[in-house]
Amino acid sequence: MQYYHIMTKKRDRASQIRQRLSQIPTEMAGEVRRVVHVRETLRGYVYHSRRRCGKPSCRCARGELHEAWVVATKVGGKQTTRSLGGRQRDRVERLCENYRQFRQAESAMRRLCREATELTRELGSLICEDPFKEKAKR
C-alpha cells in the first residue's frame, strides 16, 4: 500500500511539473516581445536637483536653491551627471525607462530558463524507473 501511495504522489507531482512547463513558453514569449520592441536605451536615471553653487553673493546663499533636471549615468566608465533641457528631459526619461524595462524582461527570461531547467531535472528524476526495484504487490 505504501508503494501505491508513493507512486500516486510522484504522478501528481509529475503532472504539476508538466503543467508548469507548458506555461513557461507563453511567459517567455511575452518577455521576448518586451525585449524585441526596445529600440534604444540609456543606462541611468533622471531626477530633479536642488543645490547651492557656493558663491557668497548668489541667491542660493539666501536659500533660493538652483533647480535643474539632471541625468545620472556612466560616461567612459565613470559616474557623471548632466543637466537636461526641457525637450531633452522627456527623451532621456523615456530612454532610461526603456533600459529598466529591458533589464526587467531580461531578468524574467533568466528566471524562467532556470525554473524550466530545475523542473525538467525534477521531472526526469520522477519518471525515471529503476528496472531492478521490485514493485510491491497491491
Protein backbone atom coordinates (compact mmCIF):
# COMPACT_ATOMS: atom_id res chain seq x y z
CA MET A 1 0.00 0.00 0.00
CA GLN A 2 2.85 2.38 0.77
CA TYR A 3 4.34 1.88 -2.73
CA TYR A 4 0.99 2.82 -4.32
CA HIS A 5 0.83 5.98 -2.17
CA ILE A 6 4.36 7.00 -3.18
CA MET A 7 3.64 6.38 -6.86
CA THR A 8 0.45 8.46 -6.67
CA LYS A 9 2.39 11.35 -5.15
CA LYS A 10 5.04 11.05 -7.86
CA ARG A 11 2.41 11.04 -10.62
CA ASP A 12 0.68 14.08 -9.09
CA ARG A 13 3.96 16.00 -8.82
CA ALA A 14 4.95 15.00 -12.36
CA SER A 15 1.59 16.28 -13.60
CA GLN A 16 2.09 19.60 -11.79
CA ILE A 17 5.56 19.95 -13.32
CA ARG A 18 4.26 19.21 -16.82
CA GLN A 19 1.54 21.84 -16.42
CA ARG A 20 4.03 24.47 -15.27
CA LEU A 21 6.50 23.58 -18.03
CA SER A 22 3.74 24.02 -20.61
CA GLN A 23 3.09 27.59 -19.30
CA ILE A 24 6.70 28.75 -19.42
CA PRO A 25 6.96 29.18 -23.24
CA THR A 26 3.98 31.56 -23.23
CA GLU A 27 5.53 33.65 -20.46
CA MET A 28 8.90 33.57 -22.20
CA ALA A 29 7.31 34.76 -25.47
CA GLY A 30 5.87 37.78 -23.66
CA GLU A 31 9.29 38.69 -22.25
CA VAL A 32 10.93 38.23 -25.65
CA ARG A 33 8.36 40.62 -27.16
CA ARG A 34 9.24 43.19 -24.48
CA VAL A 35 12.96 42.90 -25.33
CA VAL A 36 12.49 42.98 -29.10
CA HIS A 37 10.36 46.14 -29.04
CA VAL A 38 13.01 48.21 -27.26
CA ARG A 39 14.98 50.15 -29.87
CA GLU A 40 17.22 52.39 -27.76
CA THR A 41 18.06 52.78 -24.08
CA LEU A 42 20.15 54.81 -21.70
CA ARG A 43 21.59 53.31 -18.56
CA GLY A 44 20.90 55.93 -15.92
CA TYR A 45 18.16 57.82 -14.15
CA VAL A 46 16.66 61.31 -14.28
CA TYR A 47 15.98 63.37 -11.18
CA HIS A 48 15.24 66.91 -10.05
CA SER A 49 18.25 68.57 -8.43
CA ARG A 50 18.23 71.49 -5.97
CA ARG A 51 21.61 72.77 -4.82
CA ARG A 52 23.82 75.66 -3.82
CA CYS A 53 26.60 76.88 -6.09
CA GLY A 54 28.77 78.20 -3.27
CA LYS A 55 29.10 81.84 -4.33
CA PRO A 56 28.51 84.05 -1.29
CA SER A 57 26.66 86.74 -3.27
CA CYS A 58 24.36 84.33 -5.13
CA ARG A 59 20.64 83.99 -4.40
CA CYS A 60 21.24 80.37 -3.35
CA ALA A 61 23.20 81.63 -0.32
CA ARG A 62 19.87 83.16 0.84
CA GLY A 63 18.09 79.82 0.45
CA GLU A 64 16.80 80.11 -3.13
CA LEU A 65 18.42 76.95 -4.46
CA HIS A 66 19.34 76.36 -8.11
CA GLU A 67 17.00 73.83 -9.68
CA ALA A 68 17.68 71.61 -12.65
CA TRP A 69 16.70 68.28 -14.14
CA VAL A 70 19.74 66.04 -14.48
CA VAL A 71 20.58 62.57 -15.70
CA ALA A 72 22.99 60.40 -13.75
CA THR A 73 24.82 57.93 -15.96
CA LYS A 74 28.24 56.50 -16.69
CA VAL A 75 30.46 58.01 -19.36
CA GLY A 76 33.72 56.24 -20.08
CA GLY A 77 33.19 54.03 -17.04
CA LYS A 78 32.84 57.00 -14.65
CA GLN A 79 29.65 58.13 -12.91
CA THR A 80 28.56 61.57 -14.07
CA THR A 81 25.56 63.88 -14.04
CA ARG A 82 24.47 66.11 -16.88
CA SER A 83 21.88 68.88 -16.91
CA LEU A 84 18.88 68.39 -19.17
CA GLY A 85 16.98 70.97 -21.17
CA GLY A 86 13.18 70.87 -21.45
CA ARG A 87 12.95 68.82 -24.65
CA GLN A 88 15.92 66.64 -23.70
CA ARG A 89 14.36 65.62 -20.42
CA ASP A 90 11.35 63.82 -21.92
CA ARG A 91 13.51 61.84 -24.34
CA VAL A 92 16.15 60.93 -21.74
CA GLU A 93 13.49 59.87 -19.23
CA ARG A 94 11.95 57.62 -21.90
CA LEU A 95 15.36 56.10 -22.73
CA CYS A 96 16.07 55.42 -19.04
CA GLU A 97 12.65 53.80 -18.64
CA ASN A 98 13.33 51.67 -21.73
CA TYR A 99 16.54 50.48 -20.08
CA ARG A 100 14.68 49.50 -16.89
CA GLN A 101 12.02 47.65 -18.91
CA PHE A 102 14.68 45.86 -20.95
CA ARG A 103 16.56 44.74 -17.83
CA GLN A 104 13.36 43.55 -16.13
CA ALA A 105 12.45 41.44 -19.17
CA GLU A 106 15.99 40.07 -19.36
CA SER A 107 15.84 39.13 -15.68
CA ALA A 108 12.45 37.45 -16.11
CA MET A 109 13.78 35.43 -19.06
CA ARG A 110 16.74 34.20 -16.97
CA ARG A 111 14.39 33.26 -14.13
CA LEU A 112 12.09 31.34 -16.48
CA CYS A 113 15.03 29.45 -18.00
CA ARG A 114 16.31 28.49 -14.55
CA GLU A 115 12.84 27.38 -13.49
CA ALA A 116 12.38 25.28 -16.64
CA THR A 117 15.76 23.62 -16.13
CA GLU A 118 15.06 22.82 -12.48
CA LEU A 119 11.59 21.47 -13.24
CA THR A 120 12.91 19.35 -16.10
CA ARG A 121 15.53 17.82 -13.81
CA GLU A 122 12.91 17.09 -11.17
CA LEU A 123 10.56 15.59 -13.74
CA GLY A 124 13.37 13.41 -15.04
CA SER A 125 14.03 12.02 -11.57
CA LEU A 126 10.31 11.36 -11.03
CA ILE A 127 9.69 9.48 -14.27
CA CYS A 128 12.94 7.51 -14.34
CA GLU A 129 12.19 3.90 -13.45
CA ASP A 130 14.55 1.58 -11.60
CA PRO A 131 14.25 -1.72 -13.52
CA PHE A 132 15.81 -3.71 -10.68
CA LYS A 133 13.45 -2.49 -7.96
CA GLU A 134 10.66 -4.92 -7.26
CA LYS A 135 7.21 -3.47 -7.24
CA ALA A 136 5.14 -4.20 -4.18
CA LYS A 137 2.02 -6.26 -4.69
CA ARG A 138 -1.21 -4.29 -4.49
